[in-house]
Amino acid sequence: MEFKLLLNLLSNKGQVQTREHLLEKVWGASGDISTRTIDTHIKRLRQKLGKYGDNIETIRSVGYRFKDK
């Protein structure tokens, strides 16, 4: 799931992805899974990416985006 999540963020680099959008695109679910699931997976993904984990930016109350450098 973390790979699919990273792939989605990279495919939409610089664009904010809402938690609901990520649930639909990555998990194929809508409403069945808590949006907090996304937060947990983002945390794990950032840890695995090490120093590059900072490239995943939290957009408060909206979702996430991969920074466009």
PDB file of N, CA and C in Angstrom:
ATOM      1  N   MET A   1       0.817  -1.198   0.000  1.00  0.00           N
ATOM      2  CA  MET A   1       0.000   0.000   0.000  1.00  0.00           C
ATOM      3  C   MET A   1       0.862   1.264   0.000  1.00  0.00           C
ATOM      4  N   GLU A   2       1.972   1.200   0.733  1.00  0.00           N
ATOM      5  CA  GLU A   2       2.838   2.376   0.793  1.00  0.00           C
ATOM      6  C   GLU A   2       3.427   2.696  -0.572  1.00  0.00           C
ATOM      7  N   PHE A   3       3.758   1.667  -1.338  1.00  0.00           N
ATOM      8  CA  PHE A   3       4.281   1.898  -2.682  1.00  0.00           C
ATOM      9  C   PHE A   3       3.219   2.545  -3.565  1.00  0.00           C
ATOM     10  N   LYS A   4       1.991   2.040  -3.503  1.00  0.00           N
ATOM     11  CA  LYS A   4       0.893   2.626  -4.287  1.00  0.00           C
ATOM     12  C   LYS A   4       0.653   4.076  -3.875  1.00  0.00           C
ATOM     13  N   LEU A   5       0.749   4.327  -2.578  1.00  0.00           N
ATOM     14  CA  LEU A   5       0.566   5.679  -2.067  1.00  0.00           C
ATOM     15  C   LEU A   5       1.657   6.607  -2.603  1.00  0.00           C
ATOM     16  N   LEU A   6       2.900   6.162  -2.543  1.00  0.00           N
ATOM     17  CA  LEU A   6       4.018   6.953  -3.061  1.00  0.00           C
ATOM     18  C   LEU A   6       3.867   7.177  -4.558  1.00  0.00           C
ATOM     19  N   LEU A   7       3.497   6.160  -5.287  1.00  0.00           N
ATOM     20  CA  LEU A   7       3.304   6.273  -6.729  1.00  0.00           C
ATOM     21  C   LEU A   7       2.240   7.309  -7.063  1.00  0.00           C
ATOM     22  N   ASN A   8       1.149   7.292  -6.304  1.00  0.00           N
ATOM     23  CA  ASN A   8       0.078   8.263  -6.531  1.00  0.00           C
ATOM     24  C   ASN A   8       0.564   9.682  -6.253  1.00  0.00           C
ATOM     25  N   LEU A   9       1.294   9.872  -5.161  1.00  0.00           N
ATOM     26  CA  LEU A   9       1.794  11.198  -4.824  1.00  0.00           C
ATOM     27  C   LEU A   9       2.788  11.690  -5.868  1.00  0.00           C
ATOM     28  N   LEU A  10       3.664  10.808  -6.332  1.00  0.00           N
ATOM     29  CA  LEU A  10       4.652  11.191  -7.343  1.00  0.00           C
ATOM     30  C   LEU A  10       4.004  11.470  -8.696  1.00  0.00           C
ATOM     31  N   SER A  11       2.971  10.720  -9.024  1.00  0.00           N
ATOM     32  CA  SER A  11       2.265  10.923 -10.297  1.00  0.00           C
ATOM     33  C   SER A  11       1.560  12.272 -10.335  1.00  0.00           C
ATOM     34  N   ASN A  12       1.259  12.800  -9.161  1.00  0.00           N
ATOM     35  CA  ASN A  12       0.554  14.084  -9.058  1.00  0.00           C
ATOM     36  C   ASN A  12       1.424  15.092  -8.317  1.00  0.00           C
ATOM     37  N   LYS A  13       2.706  15.056  -8.591  1.00  0.00           N
ATOM     38  CA  LYS A  13       3.695  15.895  -7.912  1.00  0.00           C
ATOM     39  C   LYS A  13       3.272  17.366  -7.908  1.00  0.00           C
ATOM     40  N   GLY A  14       3.324  17.957  -6.710  1.00  0.00           N
ATOM     41  CA  GLY A  14       2.978  19.373  -6.567  1.00  0.00           C
ATOM     42  C   GLY A  14       1.494  19.634  -6.380  1.00  0.00           C
ATOM     43  N   GLN A  15       0.661  18.634  -6.586  1.00  0.00           N
ATOM     44  CA  GLN A  15      -0.786  18.792  -6.449  1.00  0.00           C
ATOM     45  C   GLN A  15      -1.249  18.157  -5.144  1.00  0.00           C
ATOM     46  N   VAL A  16      -2.114  18.860  -4.444  1.00  0.00           N
ATOM     47  CA  VAL A  16      -2.642  18.338  -3.182  1.00  0.00           C
ATOM     48  C   VAL A  16      -3.599  17.193  -3.465  1.00  0.00           C
ATOM     49  N   GLN A  17      -3.398  16.088  -2.739  1.00  0.00           N
ATOM     50  CA  GLN A  17      -4.268  14.926  -2.834  1.00  0.00           C
ATOM     51  C   GLN A  17      -5.041  14.815  -1.523  1.00  0.00           C
ATOM     52  N   THR A  18      -6.356  14.901  -1.593  1.00  0.00           N
ATOM     53  CA  THR A  18      -7.144  14.801  -0.370  1.00  0.00           C
ATOM     54  C   THR A  18      -7.075  13.373   0.161  1.00  0.00           C
ATOM     55  N   ARG A  19      -7.345  13.236   1.434  1.00  0.00           N
ATOM     56  CA  ARG A  19      -7.347  11.905   2.042  1.00  0.00           C
ATOM     57  C   ARG A  19      -8.396  11.011   1.371  1.00  0.00           C
ATOM     58  N   GLU A  20      -9.545  11.579   1.078  1.00  0.00           N
ATOM     59  CA  GLU A  20     -10.616  10.819   0.439  1.00  0.00           C
ATOM     60  C   GLU A  20     -10.195  10.345  -0.943  1.00  0.00           C
ATOM     61  N   HIS A  21      -9.513  11.215  -1.686  1.00  0.00           N
ATOM     62  CA  HIS A  21      -9.022  10.854  -3.017  1.00  0.00           C
ATOM     63  C   HIS A  21      -8.015   9.707  -2.912  1.00  0.00           C
ATOM     64  N   LEU A  22      -7.097   9.807  -1.946  1.00  0.00           N
ATOM     65  CA  LEU A  22      -6.098   8.767  -1.765  1.00  0.00           C
ATOM     66  C   LEU A  22      -6.740   7.440  -1.365  1.00  0.00           C
ATOM     67  N   LEU A  23      -7.747   7.495  -0.505  1.00  0.00           N
ATOM     68  CA  LEU A  23      -8.463   6.259  -0.126  1.00  0.00           C
ATOM     69  C   LEU A  23      -9.079   5.596  -1.350  1.00  0.00           C
ATOM     70  N   GLU A  24      -9.669   6.400  -2.192  1.00  0.00           N
ATOM     71  CA  GLU A  24     -10.313   5.869  -3.390  1.00  0.00           C
ATOM     72  C   GLU A  24      -9.298   5.311  -4.381  1.00  0.00           C
ATOM     73  N   LYS A  25      -8.238   6.064  -4.641  1.00  0.00           N
ATOM     74  CA  LYS A  25      -7.248   5.656  -5.646  1.00  0.00           C
ATOM     75  C   LYS A  25      -6.324   4.538  -5.179  1.00  0.00           C
ATOM     76  N   VAL A  26      -5.893   4.579  -3.934  1.00  0.00           N
ATOM     77  CA  VAL A  26      -4.922   3.605  -3.436  1.00  0.00           C
ATOM     78  C   VAL A  26      -5.607   2.362  -2.880  1.00  0.00           C
ATOM     79  N   TRP A  27      -6.639   2.558  -2.074  1.00  0.00           N
ATOM     80  CA  TRP A  27      -7.312   1.425  -1.439  1.00  0.00           C
ATOM     81  C   TRP A  27      -8.530   0.949  -2.227  1.00  0.00           C
ATOM     82  N   GLY A  28      -9.005   1.779  -3.144  1.00  0.00           N
ATOM     83  CA  GLY A  28     -10.206   1.422  -3.888  1.00  0.00           C
ATOM     84  C   GLY A  28     -11.437   1.451  -3.011  1.00  0.00           C
ATOM     85  N   ALA A  29     -11.384   2.255  -1.950  1.00  0.00           N
ATOM     86  CA  ALA A  29     -12.486   2.313  -0.992  1.00  0.00           C
ATOM     87  C   ALA A  29     -12.988   3.748  -0.861  1.00  0.00           C
ATOM     88  N   SER A  30     -14.222   3.857  -0.459  1.00  0.00           N
ATOM     89  CA  SER A  30     -14.769   5.178  -0.160  1.00  0.00           C
ATOM     90  C   SER A  30     -15.645   5.054   1.079  1.00  0.00           C
ATOM     91  N   GLY A  31     -15.175   5.601   2.174  1.00  0.00           N
ATOM     92  CA  GLY A  31     -15.959   5.609   3.391  1.00  0.00           C
ATOM     93  C   GLY A  31     -15.791   4.408   4.298  1.00  0.00           C
ATOM     94  N   ASP A  32     -15.373   3.273   3.759  1.00  0.00           N
ATOM     95  CA  ASP A  32     -15.231   2.064   4.570  1.00  0.00           C
ATOM     96  C   ASP A  32     -14.027   2.130   5.506  1.00  0.00           C
ATOM     97  N   ILE A  33     -13.009   2.841   5.083  1.00  0.00           N
ATOM     98  CA  ILE A  33     -11.763   2.925   5.842  1.00  0.00           C
ATOM     99  C   ILE A  33     -11.623   4.353   6.368  1.00  0.00           C
ATOM    100  N   SER A  34     -11.122   4.477   7.576  1.00  0.00           N
ATOM    101  CA  SER A  34     -10.936   5.787   8.179  1.00  0.00           C
ATOM    102  C   SER A  34      -9.835   6.558   7.451  1.00  0.00           C
ATOM    103  N   THR A  35     -10.009   7.859   7.321  1.00  0.00           N
ATOM    104  CA  THR A  35      -8.970   8.681   6.694  1.00  0.00           C
ATOM    105  C   THR A  35      -7.708   8.708   7.549  1.00  0.00           C
ATOM    106  N   ARG A  36      -7.812   8.313   8.810  1.00  0.00           N
ATOM    107  CA  ARG A  36      -6.625   8.222   9.674  1.00  0.00           C
ATOM    108  C   ARG A  36      -5.691   7.119   9.189  1.00  0.00           C
ATOM    109  N   THR A  37      -6.220   6.171   8.449  1.00  0.00           N
ATOM    110  CA  THR A  37      -5.403   5.125   7.851  1.00  0.00           C
ATOM    111  C   THR A  37      -4.352   5.748   6.938  1.00  0.00           C
ATOM    112  N   ILE A  38      -4.750   6.762   6.186  1.00  0.00           N
ATOM    113  CA  ILE A  38      -3.825   7.467   5.298  1.00  0.00           C
ATOM    114  C   ILE A  38      -2.701   8.078   6.120  1.00  0.00           C
ATOM    115  N   ASP A  39      -3.048   8.729   7.213  1.00  0.00           N
ATOM    116  CA  ASP A  39      -2.042   9.386   8.059  1.00  0.00           C
ATOM    117  C   ASP A  39      -1.010   8.386   8.571  1.00  0.00           C
ATOM    118  N   THR A  40      -1.478   7.214   8.964  1.00  0.00           N
ATOM    119  CA  THR A  40      -0.576   6.170   9.465  1.00  0.00           C
ATOM    120  C   THR A  40       0.370   5.693   8.366  1.00  0.00           C
ATOM    121  N   HIS A  41      -0.155   5.474   7.180  1.00  0.00           N
ATOM    122  CA  HIS A  41       0.680   5.018   6.074  1.00  0.00           C
ATOM    123  C   HIS A  41       1.664   6.103   5.620  1.00  0.00           C
ATOM    124  N   ILE A  42       1.237   7.349   5.651  1.00  0.00           N
ATOM    125  CA  ILE A  42       2.140   8.454   5.301  1.00  0.00           C
ATOM    126  C   ILE A  42       3.295   8.501   6.293  1.00  0.00           C
ATOM    127  N   LYS A  43       2.992   8.331   7.570  1.00  0.00           N
ATOM    128  CA  LYS A  43       4.039   8.345   8.603  1.00  0.00           C
ATOM    129  C   LYS A  43       5.070   7.254   8.342  1.00  0.00           C
ATOM    130  N   ARG A  44       4.599   6.049   8.060  1.00  0.00           N
ATOM    131  CA  ARG A  44       5.500   4.923   7.782  1.00  0.00           C
ATOM    132  C   ARG A  44       6.311   5.167   6.512  1.00  0.00           C
ATOM    133  N   LEU A  45       5.660   5.724   5.512  1.00  0.00           N
ATOM    134  CA  LEU A  45       6.332   6.008   4.249  1.00  0.00           C
ATOM    135  C   LEU A  45       7.439   7.034   4.450  1.00  0.00           C
ATOM    136  N   ARG A  46       7.155   8.074   5.203  1.00  0.00           N
ATOM    137  CA  ARG A  46       8.182   9.088   5.497  1.00  0.00           C
ATOM    138  C   ARG A  46       9.382   8.465   6.204  1.00  0.00           C
ATOM    139  N   GLN A  47       9.124   7.571   7.145  1.00  0.00           N
ATOM    140  CA  GLN A  47      10.215   6.906   7.862  1.00  0.00           C
ATOM    141  C   GLN A  47      11.061   6.071   6.913  1.00  0.00           C
ATOM    142  N   LYS A  48      10.431   5.356   6.024  1.00  0.00           N
ATOM    143  CA  LYS A  48      11.151   4.503   5.082  1.00  0.00           C
ATOM    144  C   LYS A  48      11.948   5.312   4.064  1.00  0.00           C
ATOM    145  N   LEU A  49      11.461   6.499   3.724  1.00  0.00           N
ATOM    146  CA  LEU A  49      12.164   7.348   2.763  1.00  0.00           C
ATOM    147  C   LEU A  49      13.343   8.086   3.401  1.00  0.00           C
ATOM    148  N   GLY A  50      13.427   8.055   4.712  1.00  0.00           N
ATOM    149  CA  GLY A  50      14.538   8.713   5.405  1.00  0.00           C
ATOM    150  C   GLY A  50      14.544  10.210   5.165  1.00  0.00           C
ATOM    151  N   LYS A  51      15.684  10.743   4.734  1.00  0.00           N
ATOM    152  CA  LYS A  51      15.791  12.196   4.530  1.00  0.00           C
ATOM    153  C   LYS A  51      14.866  12.700   3.423  1.00  0.00           C
ATOM    154  N   TYR A  52      14.430  11.813   2.542  1.00  0.00           N
ATOM    155  CA  TYR A  52      13.519  12.214   1.468  1.00  0.00           C
ATOM    156  C   TYR A  52      12.055  12.233   1.918  1.00  0.00           C
ATOM    157  N   GLY A  53      11.802  11.752   3.114  1.00  0.00           N
ATOM    158  CA  GLY A  53      10.451  11.752   3.656  1.00  0.00           C
ATOM    159  C   GLY A  53       9.881  13.151   3.835  1.00  0.00           C
ATOM    160  N   ASP A  54      10.781  14.135   3.977  1.00  0.00           N
ATOM    161  CA  ASP A  54      10.337  15.529   4.112  1.00  0.00           C
ATOM    162  C   ASP A  54       9.708  16.070   2.835  1.00  0.00           C
ATOM    163  N   ASN A  55       9.876  15.356   1.734  1.00  0.00           N
ATOM    164  CA  ASN A  55       9.279  15.796   0.467  1.00  0.00           C
ATOM    165  C   ASN A  55       7.771  15.577   0.434  1.00  0.00           C
ATOM    166  N   ILE A  56       7.271  14.765   1.356  1.00  0.00           N
ATOM    167  CA  ILE A  56       5.820  14.586   1.468  1.00  0.00           C
ATOM    168  C   ILE A  56       5.323  15.640   2.437  1.00  0.00           C
ATOM    169  N   GLU A  57       4.546  16.539   1.912  1.00  0.00           N
ATOM    170  CA  GLU A  57       4.092  17.698   2.680  1.00  0.00           C
ATOM    171  C   GLU A  57       2.639  17.513   3.119  1.00  0.00           C
ATOM    172  N   THR A  58       2.381  17.793   4.388  1.00  0.00           N
ATOM    173  CA  THR A  58       1.019  17.741   4.912  1.00  0.00           C
ATOM    174  C   THR A  58       0.333  19.077   4.652  1.00  0.00           C
ATOM    175  N   ILE A  59      -0.828  19.019   4.060  1.00  0.00           N
ATOM    176  CA  ILE A  59      -1.663  20.204   3.872  1.00  0.00           C
ATOM    177  C   ILE A  59      -2.781  20.064   4.889  1.00  0.00           C
ATOM    178  N   ARG A  60      -2.662  20.826   5.945  1.00  0.00           N
ATOM    179  CA  ARG A  60      -3.544  20.688   7.103  1.00  0.00           C
ATOM    180  C   ARG A  60      -5.024  20.709   6.725  1.00  0.00           C
ATOM    181  N   SER A  61      -5.748  19.745   7.272  1.00  0.00           N
ATOM    182  CA  SER A  61      -7.194  19.577   7.092  1.00  0.00           C
ATOM    183  C   SER A  61      -7.600  19.252   5.657  1.00  0.00           C
ATOM    184  N   VAL A  62      -6.615  18.965   4.790  1.00  0.00           N
ATOM    185  CA  VAL A  62      -6.943  18.649   3.405  1.00  0.00           C
ATOM    186  C   VAL A  62      -6.362  17.295   3.004  1.00  0.00           C
ATOM    187  N   GLY A  63      -5.027  17.200   3.007  1.00  0.00           N
ATOM    188  CA  GLY A  63      -4.392  15.960   2.570  1.00  0.00           C
ATOM    189  C   GLY A  63      -2.886  16.112   2.485  1.00  0.00           C
ATOM    190  N   TYR A  64      -2.329  15.575   1.407  1.00  0.00           N
ATOM    191  CA  TYR A  64      -0.874  15.550   1.252  1.00  0.00           C
ATOM    192  C   TYR A  64      -0.487  15.869  -0.174  1.00  0.00           C
ATOM    193  N   ARG A  65       0.790  16.259  -0.340  1.00  0.00           N
ATOM    194  CA  ARG A  65       1.342  16.417  -1.663  1.00  0.00           C
ATOM    195  C   ARG A  65       2.829  16.127  -1.613  1.00  0.00           C
ATOM    196  N   PHE A  66       3.356  15.702  -2.737  1.00  0.00           N
ATOM    197  CA  PHE A  66       4.801  15.515  -2.875  1.00  0.00           C
ATOM    198  C   PHE A  66       5.336  16.829  -3.399  1.00  0.00           C
ATOM    199  N   LYS A  67       6.281  17.418  -2.700  1.00  0.00           N
ATOM    200  CA  LYS A  67       6.808  18.728  -3.080  1.00  0.00           C
ATOM    201  C   LYS A  67       7.365  18.701  -4.495  1.00  0.00           C
ATOM    202  N   ASP A  68       7.076  19.732  -5.218  1.00  0.00           N
ATOM    203  CA  ASP A  68       7.591  19.901  -6.579  1.00  0.00           C
ATOM    204  C   ASP A  68       8.797  20.833  -6.498  1.00  0.00           C
ATOM    205  N   LYS A  69       9.998  20.250  -6.562  1.00  0.00           N
ATOM    206  CA  LYS A  69      11.217  21.065  -6.407  1.00  0.00           C
ATOM    207  C   LYS A  69      11.753  21.558  -7.696  1.00  0.00           C
TER     208      LYS A  69
END
